[in-house]
Amino acid sequence: MTFPVIGVVGGGQLARMMAPCAIALNFELRVLAEAEDVSAVAAVANAPVGDYKDLDTLRRFAQGLDVMTFDHEHVPTAHLQTLIAEGVNVQPHPDALIHAQDKLVMRSVVEKLGLPNPAWAAVSTVEELVEFGDKTGWPVVLKTPRGGYDGKGVRIIDGPEVAAEAADWFTGTPLLAEDKVDFSRELSALVARTPSGEAKAWPVVHTIQVDGVCDEVIAPAPELPAEVAEAASQAALRLAEELGVTGVMAAELFETPGQGAGFVINELAMRPHNTGHWTMDGCVTSQFEQHLRAVLDLPLGGTEPLGDVVVMKNYLGGANTDLFGAYPQALAAEPDVKVHGYGKSVRAGRKIGHVNVVGRKASDVDELRRKASRVAAIIRDGEDPQEGN
């Protein structure tokens, strides 16, 4: 009796959270870790340390795998193409992954498919950036096409004078300039697709960003018009189909009430995503289990929520370095809140865990947000924000 071996390139918290799902399904999970102390190493028995940018390291890691998948999108495309030519089963395929790796490629295909897209252009000089801003109106958003995340690699350009200050960003490679979308809130449409073409969507969620980092997720997105939710899900499913995505894909969106389809596509991620962490406790099938099913071309699980509303709250590194020392108070404060830690050392602003709480009624959302924020604050700061109130 044999079960598949899944290799994950990258040892962050996403790989770590795949481990319990792999254990439950009796799959063997291996991780190519960046260092001995990264998040997934403590959760996965077979976690060699190696450089994912080195082809020979990837070749060695691929030996004995039934499928190779990813914790992040940064593996060089050429290396993945070589591995596939040598017979390695890589999911998602690099032809799909490039749309999450390169924002210029993504913008082009969204435009080609006729899906909601902000005005955009590839710009190689300050002069081209100014020309774009004068044409579409200021401010504009300037992005590095590759490597940016959690607000990094993004710059708001308010006018021609500020554009000149961005000259150091122009190093010969085109950058992405976008119209600064006037949006009411951020949304995320999470889907999964198998190599044979089965695809499923989770409910569209409201994501709340603080300083460019996901802070909270409310699922489903409250008061989102049904037609907008359906259109957003269908757009994500169409992208997954047209691009040949396998595994989980998140389409990050801006809601634009009364304009066009009611949303525009911001960015894509082809892996489990922070905006899907609520599924761990709030859904029939978590995004992590679904990802493993999908890359193995197994039937997908149900995506129905387990309550009328679910809240996820991240906690970042803060004043408290004794995280476990805060657990007694945190767990006692709100017993229905589920805590997920990432096994990381505390550093200011670093994602070190999240909490989930499921509610029976959509009207409970404010109370659920209070509960989640309270538990997250106790762990982050080592003290209860409600004491003394």
Protein backbone atom coordinates (compact mmCIF):
# COMPACT_ATOMS: atom_id res chain seq x y z
CA MET A 1 0.00 0.00 0.00
CA THR A 2 1.61 3.24 -1.16
CA PHE A 3 0.65 6.87 -0.71
CA PRO A 4 2.02 9.87 -2.62
CA VAL A 5 5.05 11.95 -1.67
CA ILE A 6 4.52 15.71 -2.04
CA GLY A 7 7.45 18.11 -2.07
CA VAL A 8 6.97 21.75 -1.14
CA VAL A 9 9.58 24.27 -2.19
CA GLY A 10 9.79 26.80 0.63
CA GLY A 11 9.59 26.30 4.36
CA GLY A 12 7.31 29.11 5.50
CA GLN A 13 4.05 28.98 7.39
CA LEU A 14 2.09 27.88 4.32
CA ALA A 15 4.14 24.69 4.04
CA ARG A 16 3.83 24.23 7.80
CA MET A 17 0.03 24.39 7.62
CA MET A 18 -0.06 21.78 4.86
CA ALA A 19 1.51 19.25 7.23
CA PRO A 20 -1.56 18.34 9.36
CA CYS A 21 -3.63 17.87 6.19
CA ALA A 22 -0.98 15.60 4.68
CA ILE A 23 -0.88 13.56 7.89
CA ALA A 24 -4.67 13.21 7.93
CA LEU A 25 -4.70 11.92 4.35
CA ASN A 26 -1.62 9.72 4.91
CA PHE A 27 0.48 11.61 2.36
CA GLU A 28 4.21 12.09 2.92
CA LEU A 29 5.19 15.76 2.91
CA ARG A 30 8.75 16.93 2.27
CA VAL A 31 9.91 20.53 2.39
CA LEU A 32 12.89 22.28 0.82
CA ALA A 33 13.65 24.76 3.60
CA GLU A 34 15.57 28.02 3.33
CA ALA A 35 17.19 27.52 6.74
CA GLU A 36 17.07 25.15 9.70
CA ASP A 37 14.88 27.50 11.72
CA VAL A 38 12.13 28.31 9.21
CA SER A 39 8.51 27.70 10.09
CA ALA A 40 7.85 24.32 8.45
CA VAL A 41 10.93 22.48 9.69
CA ALA A 42 9.45 21.69 13.11
CA ALA A 43 6.29 20.28 11.49
CA VAL A 44 7.80 18.16 8.69
CA ALA A 45 10.20 15.28 9.34
CA ASN A 46 11.93 15.45 5.96
CA ALA A 47 12.98 19.08 5.49
CA PRO A 48 16.42 19.46 3.90
CA VAL A 49 17.91 22.94 3.75
CA GLY A 50 18.78 24.22 0.29
CA ASP A 51 18.72 27.14 -2.12
CA TYR A 52 15.57 27.06 -4.27
CA LYS A 53 17.36 29.23 -6.84
CA ASP A 54 19.93 26.46 -7.49
CA LEU A 55 18.89 23.95 -10.17
CA ASP A 56 20.94 21.05 -8.81
CA THR A 57 19.42 21.56 -5.36
CA LEU A 58 15.95 21.39 -6.90
CA ARG A 59 16.92 18.25 -8.83
CA ARG A 60 18.04 16.51 -5.65
CA PHE A 61 14.89 17.56 -3.83
CA ALA A 62 12.71 16.28 -6.69
CA GLN A 63 14.00 12.74 -6.40
CA GLY A 64 11.27 10.40 -5.15
CA LEU A 65 8.48 12.99 -5.34
CA ASP A 66 5.11 12.33 -6.92
CA VAL A 67 4.54 16.06 -7.25
CA MET A 68 6.44 19.28 -6.52
CA THR A 69 4.52 22.35 -5.38
CA PHE A 70 5.31 25.65 -3.65
CA ASP A 71 5.11 27.75 -0.51
CA HIS A 72 5.99 30.86 -2.56
CA GLU A 73 6.24 31.97 -6.21
CA HIS A 74 9.94 32.83 -6.39
CA VAL A 75 11.49 29.70 -7.94
CA PRO A 76 13.10 30.62 -11.30
CA THR A 77 10.80 29.72 -14.18
CA ALA A 78 13.65 28.34 -16.30
CA HIS A 79 14.56 25.87 -13.52
CA LEU A 80 11.00 24.61 -13.36
CA GLN A 81 10.86 24.18 -17.13
CA THR A 82 14.06 22.13 -16.95
CA LEU A 83 12.66 19.93 -14.19
CA ILE A 84 9.50 19.28 -16.19
CA ALA A 85 11.60 18.33 -19.24
CA GLU A 86 13.41 15.87 -16.99
CA GLY A 87 10.13 14.27 -15.93
CA VAL A 88 9.30 16.06 -12.66
CA ASN A 89 5.59 16.67 -11.99
CA VAL A 90 5.48 20.39 -11.15
CA GLN A 91 2.15 21.86 -9.97
CA PRO A 92 1.28 24.59 -10.72
CA HIS A 93 3.03 24.59 -14.08
CA PRO A 94 5.49 27.46 -14.61
CA ASP A 95 3.42 28.67 -17.57
CA ALA A 96 0.69 29.44 -15.04
CA LEU A 97 2.98 30.46 -12.19
CA ILE A 98 4.53 33.25 -14.25
CA HIS A 99 1.28 35.20 -13.90
CA ALA A 100 1.80 35.34 -10.13
CA GLN A 101 5.54 35.94 -10.46
CA ASP A 102 5.36 38.83 -12.93
CA LYS A 103 2.71 41.52 -12.54
CA LEU A 104 3.23 42.81 -16.08
CA VAL A 105 2.45 39.37 -17.50
CA MET A 106 -0.60 39.18 -15.22
CA ARG A 107 -1.93 42.58 -16.27
CA SER A 108 -1.57 41.64 -19.94
CA VAL A 109 -3.56 38.42 -19.64
CA VAL A 110 -6.30 40.02 -17.52
CA GLU A 111 -6.68 42.61 -20.28
CA LYS A 112 -6.66 39.92 -22.98
CA LEU A 113 -9.44 38.00 -21.21
CA GLY A 114 -11.55 41.15 -20.86
CA LEU A 115 -11.69 40.90 -17.07
CA PRO A 116 -11.86 44.00 -14.81
CA ASN A 117 -8.45 45.66 -14.92
CA PRO A 118 -7.21 49.12 -13.91
CA ALA A 119 -5.51 51.28 -16.51
CA TRP A 120 -1.86 50.19 -16.65
CA ALA A 121 1.37 50.43 -18.63
CA ALA A 122 4.89 49.08 -18.66
CA VAL A 123 7.22 52.03 -18.04
CA SER A 124 11.00 52.06 -18.37
CA THR A 125 11.79 55.70 -17.58
CA VAL A 126 10.57 58.54 -15.41
CA GLU A 127 9.41 60.25 -18.60
CA GLU A 128 7.19 57.28 -19.50
CA LEU A 129 5.81 57.24 -15.95
CA VAL A 130 4.95 60.95 -16.19
CA GLU A 131 3.34 60.40 -19.59
CA PHE A 132 1.17 57.63 -18.10
CA GLY A 133 0.20 59.76 -15.09
CA ASP A 134 -0.68 62.77 -17.26
CA LYS A 135 -2.86 60.54 -19.43
CA THR A 136 -4.74 58.62 -16.71
CA GLY A 137 -4.59 61.18 -13.91
CA TRP A 138 -2.60 61.36 -10.71
CA PRO A 139 -1.85 59.68 -8.38
CA VAL A 140 -0.62 56.44 -9.93
CA VAL A 141 0.82 53.30 -8.38
CA LEU A 142 4.32 52.17 -9.36
CA LYS A 143 5.16 48.50 -8.76
CA THR A 144 8.15 46.26 -9.26
CA PRO A 145 6.80 43.43 -11.46
CA ARG A 146 8.58 40.72 -9.48
CA GLY A 147 9.28 40.04 -5.84
CA GLY A 148 6.98 42.50 -4.07
CA TYR A 149 4.64 41.34 -1.31
CA ASP A 150 2.90 42.73 1.79
CA GLY A 151 3.18 46.26 0.45
CA LYS A 152 6.85 45.95 -0.55
CA GLY A 153 7.80 46.96 -4.08
CA VAL A 154 4.90 49.43 -4.26
CA ARG A 155 5.15 53.21 -4.43
CA ILE A 156 2.42 55.86 -4.69
CA ILE A 157 3.35 58.59 -7.17
CA ASP A 158 1.35 61.78 -6.60
CA GLY A 159 2.64 63.79 -9.54
CA PRO A 160 5.54 64.52 -11.92
CA GLU A 161 7.76 65.85 -9.12
CA VAL A 162 7.35 62.68 -7.07
CA ALA A 163 7.90 60.61 -10.23
CA ALA A 164 11.36 62.12 -10.53
CA GLU A 165 12.13 60.91 -7.00
CA ALA A 166 11.51 57.33 -8.18
CA ALA A 167 14.37 57.45 -10.68
CA ASP A 168 16.37 54.96 -8.59
CA TRP A 169 13.72 52.31 -9.28
CA PHE A 170 14.44 52.37 -13.02
CA THR A 171 17.33 49.97 -13.60
CA GLY A 172 16.67 48.89 -17.18
CA THR A 173 13.78 46.51 -16.45
CA PRO A 174 10.27 47.84 -17.12
CA LEU A 175 8.11 48.63 -14.09
CA LEU A 176 4.33 48.45 -13.80
CA ALA A 177 2.39 51.71 -13.58
CA GLU A 178 -1.28 51.50 -12.64
CA ASP A 179 -4.13 53.89 -12.13
CA LYS A 180 -4.72 54.30 -8.38
CA VAL A 181 -8.12 52.65 -8.09
CA ASP A 182 -10.80 54.46 -6.09
CA PHE A 183 -12.12 51.47 -4.14
CA SER A 184 -14.36 50.95 -1.13
CA ARG A 185 -12.63 47.87 0.30
CA GLU A 186 -10.40 44.95 -0.65
CA LEU A 187 -11.76 41.51 -1.46
CA SER A 188 -10.28 38.11 -2.22
CA ALA A 189 -11.67 35.37 -4.43
CA LEU A 190 -10.05 32.03 -3.58
CA VAL A 191 -10.37 29.04 -5.90
CA ALA A 192 -8.73 25.67 -6.47
CA ARG A 193 -8.29 23.67 -9.67
CA THR A 194 -6.96 20.20 -10.52
CA PRO A 195 -4.85 19.28 -13.57
CA SER A 196 -7.88 17.47 -15.02
CA GLY A 197 -9.95 20.66 -14.78
CA GLU A 198 -12.18 20.30 -11.72
CA ALA A 199 -12.46 23.68 -10.01
CA LYS A 200 -14.20 25.04 -6.92
CA ALA A 201 -14.49 28.46 -5.30
CA TRP A 202 -14.79 29.53 -1.68
CA PRO A 203 -16.99 32.50 -0.80
CA VAL A 204 -15.53 35.90 -1.67
CA VAL A 205 -14.14 37.53 1.47
CA HIS A 206 -13.47 41.05 2.76
CA THR A 207 -9.80 41.62 3.55
CA ILE A 208 -8.60 44.43 5.81
CA GLN A 209 -5.04 45.64 5.24
CA VAL A 210 -2.89 47.58 7.71
CA ASP A 211 0.37 49.08 6.42
CA GLY A 212 0.15 46.87 3.33
CA VAL A 213 -0.21 43.65 5.35
CA CYS A 214 -3.37 41.55 5.67
CA ASP A 215 -4.75 42.14 9.17
CA GLU A 216 -8.27 40.67 9.14
CA VAL A 217 -10.49 38.60 6.87
CA ILE A 218 -14.28 38.42 7.13
CA ALA A 219 -15.93 35.54 5.29
CA PRO A 220 -18.17 35.86 3.38
CA ALA A 221 -17.69 39.56 2.61
CA PRO A 222 -20.52 41.36 4.45
CA GLU A 223 -23.14 43.12 2.33
CA LEU A 224 -21.39 42.26 -0.93
CA PRO A 225 -24.05 42.27 -3.68
CA ALA A 226 -24.74 38.72 -4.84
CA GLU A 227 -24.09 39.59 -8.46
CA VAL A 228 -20.68 41.09 -7.62
CA ALA A 229 -19.73 38.07 -5.50
CA GLU A 230 -20.74 35.73 -8.32
CA ALA A 231 -18.89 37.77 -10.95
CA ALA A 232 -15.75 37.85 -8.79
CA SER A 233 -15.82 34.09 -8.24
CA GLN A 234 -16.40 33.47 -11.94
CA ALA A 235 -13.51 35.79 -12.85
CA ALA A 236 -11.17 33.86 -10.55
CA LEU A 237 -12.39 30.52 -11.89
CA ARG A 238 -11.94 31.72 -15.47
CA LEU A 239 -8.40 32.89 -14.75
CA ALA A 240 -7.58 29.52 -13.19
CA GLU A 241 -8.97 27.73 -16.24
CA GLU A 242 -7.44 29.97 -18.90
CA LEU A 243 -4.01 30.04 -17.24
CA GLY A 244 -3.97 26.32 -16.45
CA VAL A 245 -3.63 26.91 -12.71
CA THR A 246 -3.38 23.86 -10.45
CA GLY A 247 -3.73 24.03 -6.70
CA VAL A 248 -5.06 27.06 -4.85
CA MET A 249 -5.16 30.51 -6.44
CA ALA A 250 -6.16 33.77 -4.79
CA ALA A 251 -7.36 36.73 -6.84
CA GLU A 252 -6.98 39.87 -4.76
CA LEU A 253 -9.60 42.43 -5.75
CA PHE A 254 -10.64 46.04 -5.21
CA GLU A 255 -14.38 46.58 -4.77
CA THR A 256 -15.62 49.51 -6.89
CA PRO A 257 -19.34 49.98 -6.19
CA GLY A 258 -21.26 51.38 -9.13
CA GLN A 259 -18.31 51.10 -11.48
CA GLY A 260 -18.07 48.40 -14.15
CA ALA A 261 -18.37 44.89 -12.70
CA GLY A 262 -18.14 46.28 -9.17
CA PHE A 263 -14.52 45.17 -8.74
CA VAL A 264 -11.13 45.17 -10.44
CA ILE A 265 -8.38 42.56 -10.18
CA ASN A 266 -5.38 43.66 -8.15
CA GLU A 267 -2.97 40.70 -7.95
CA LEU A 268 -2.82 36.90 -8.18
CA ALA A 269 -1.19 34.31 -5.91
CA MET A 270 -0.88 30.66 -6.94
CA ARG A 271 -0.57 28.91 -3.60
CA PRO A 272 -2.50 28.92 -0.34
CA HIS A 273 -2.95 32.52 0.71
CA ASN A 274 -3.30 34.58 3.88
CA THR A 275 -6.84 35.53 2.86
CA GLY A 276 -7.76 31.83 2.94
CA HIS A 277 -6.57 31.01 6.47
CA TRP A 278 -10.16 31.30 7.72
CA THR A 279 -10.91 28.03 5.91
CA MET A 280 -8.84 26.07 8.44
CA ASP A 281 -11.62 26.27 11.03
CA GLY A 282 -14.48 27.83 9.09
CA CYS A 283 -14.94 25.61 6.06
CA VAL A 284 -15.65 22.00 5.09
CA THR A 285 -12.27 21.82 3.33
CA SER A 286 -9.35 24.08 4.24
CA GLN A 287 -7.29 25.69 1.53
CA PHE A 288 -4.30 23.58 2.63
CA GLU A 289 -6.08 20.25 2.23
CA GLN A 290 -7.58 21.45 -1.03
CA HIS A 291 -4.18 22.43 -2.38
CA LEU A 292 -2.79 18.95 -1.69
CA ARG A 293 -5.83 17.31 -3.26
CA ALA A 294 -5.60 19.56 -6.29
CA VAL A 295 -1.90 19.12 -7.11
CA LEU A 296 -2.40 15.32 -6.86
CA ASP A 297 -5.42 15.54 -9.20
CA LEU A 298 -7.73 14.11 -6.55
CA PRO A 299 -11.42 15.09 -6.24
CA LEU A 300 -11.80 18.46 -4.52
CA GLY A 301 -13.52 18.85 -1.16
CA GLY A 302 -16.53 20.97 -0.34
CA THR A 303 -16.04 24.71 0.10
CA GLU A 304 -19.14 25.47 2.18
CA PRO A 305 -18.56 27.60 5.31
CA LEU A 306 -19.29 26.04 8.71
CA GLY A 307 -21.04 29.18 9.95
CA ASP A 308 -22.75 32.24 8.58
CA VAL A 309 -19.64 34.33 9.27
CA VAL A 310 -15.98 33.56 9.98
CA VAL A 311 -13.30 36.03 11.12
CA MET A 312 -9.55 35.56 10.75
CA LYS A 313 -7.13 37.89 12.52
CA ASN A 314 -3.36 37.89 12.03
CA TYR A 315 -1.02 38.69 14.87
CA LEU A 316 2.40 40.17 14.16
CA GLY A 317 5.46 40.34 16.33
CA GLY A 318 5.00 42.84 19.14
CA ALA A 319 6.03 43.57 22.71
CA ASN A 320 5.63 40.00 23.99
CA THR A 321 8.42 37.51 23.27
CA ASP A 322 7.04 34.75 25.50
CA LEU A 323 4.19 33.71 23.25
CA PHE A 324 3.35 30.50 25.09
CA GLY A 325 3.37 32.39 28.36
CA ALA A 326 0.37 34.35 27.06
CA TYR A 327 -1.59 31.24 26.07
CA PRO A 328 -3.35 30.58 29.39
CA GLN A 329 -4.85 34.05 29.40
CA ALA A 330 -5.55 34.09 25.65
CA LEU A 331 -7.24 30.68 25.55
CA ALA A 332 -9.31 31.40 28.64
CA ALA A 333 -10.41 34.82 27.39
CA GLU A 334 -12.38 33.52 24.38
CA PRO A 335 -12.64 29.69 24.37
CA ASP A 336 -14.29 29.57 20.94
CA VAL A 337 -11.34 31.26 19.21
CA LYS A 338 -8.84 28.92 17.51
CA VAL A 339 -5.14 29.86 17.67
CA HIS A 340 -2.60 28.98 14.97
CA GLY A 341 1.09 29.74 15.62
CA TYR A 342 3.80 29.65 12.96
CA GLY A 343 6.78 28.59 15.09
CA LYS A 344 8.64 31.80 14.31
CA SER A 345 10.78 33.96 16.54
CA VAL A 346 9.24 37.30 17.44
CA ARG A 347 10.26 40.26 15.33
CA ALA A 348 8.37 43.54 15.07
CA GLY A 349 5.96 43.46 12.13
CA ARG A 350 6.58 39.79 11.31
CA LYS A 351 3.58 37.49 10.79
CA ILE A 352 3.82 34.95 13.60
CA GLY A 353 0.30 33.52 13.75
CA HIS A 354 -3.40 34.01 13.29
CA VAL A 355 -6.67 33.23 15.05
CA ASN A 356 -10.04 32.12 13.66
CA VAL A 357 -13.53 32.31 15.10
CA VAL A 358 -16.76 31.00 13.56
CA GLY A 359 -20.18 32.56 14.13
CA ARG A 360 -23.68 31.23 13.62
CA LYS A 361 -25.22 34.50 12.44
CA ALA A 362 -23.92 37.13 10.06
CA SER A 363 -25.02 39.76 12.56
CA ASP A 364 -22.38 38.39 14.97
CA VAL A 365 -19.54 39.84 12.89
CA ASP A 366 -18.67 42.74 15.21
CA GLU A 367 -18.59 40.47 18.26
CA LEU A 368 -16.46 37.94 16.41
CA ARG A 369 -14.01 40.64 15.37
CA ARG A 370 -13.79 41.78 18.99
CA LYS A 371 -13.07 38.24 20.16
CA ALA A 372 -10.44 37.60 17.51
CA SER A 373 -8.73 40.94 18.13
CA ARG A 374 -8.72 40.33 21.89
CA VAL A 375 -7.01 36.93 21.64
CA ALA A 376 -4.52 38.16 19.04
CA ALA A 377 -3.64 41.16 21.23
CA ILE A 378 -3.08 39.02 24.33
CA ILE A 379 -0.61 36.81 22.46
CA ARG A 380 1.09 39.73 20.70
CA ASP A 381 1.36 42.08 23.68
CA GLY A 382 1.18 39.71 26.66
CA GLU A 383 -1.76 41.58 28.15
CA ASP A 384 -5.53 41.70 27.75
CA PRO A 385 -6.72 44.95 26.11
CA GLN A 386 -10.11 44.53 27.84
CA GLU A 387 -8.73 44.44 31.38
CA GLY A 388 -9.65 47.55 33.25
CA ASN A 389 -12.41 48.49 30.78
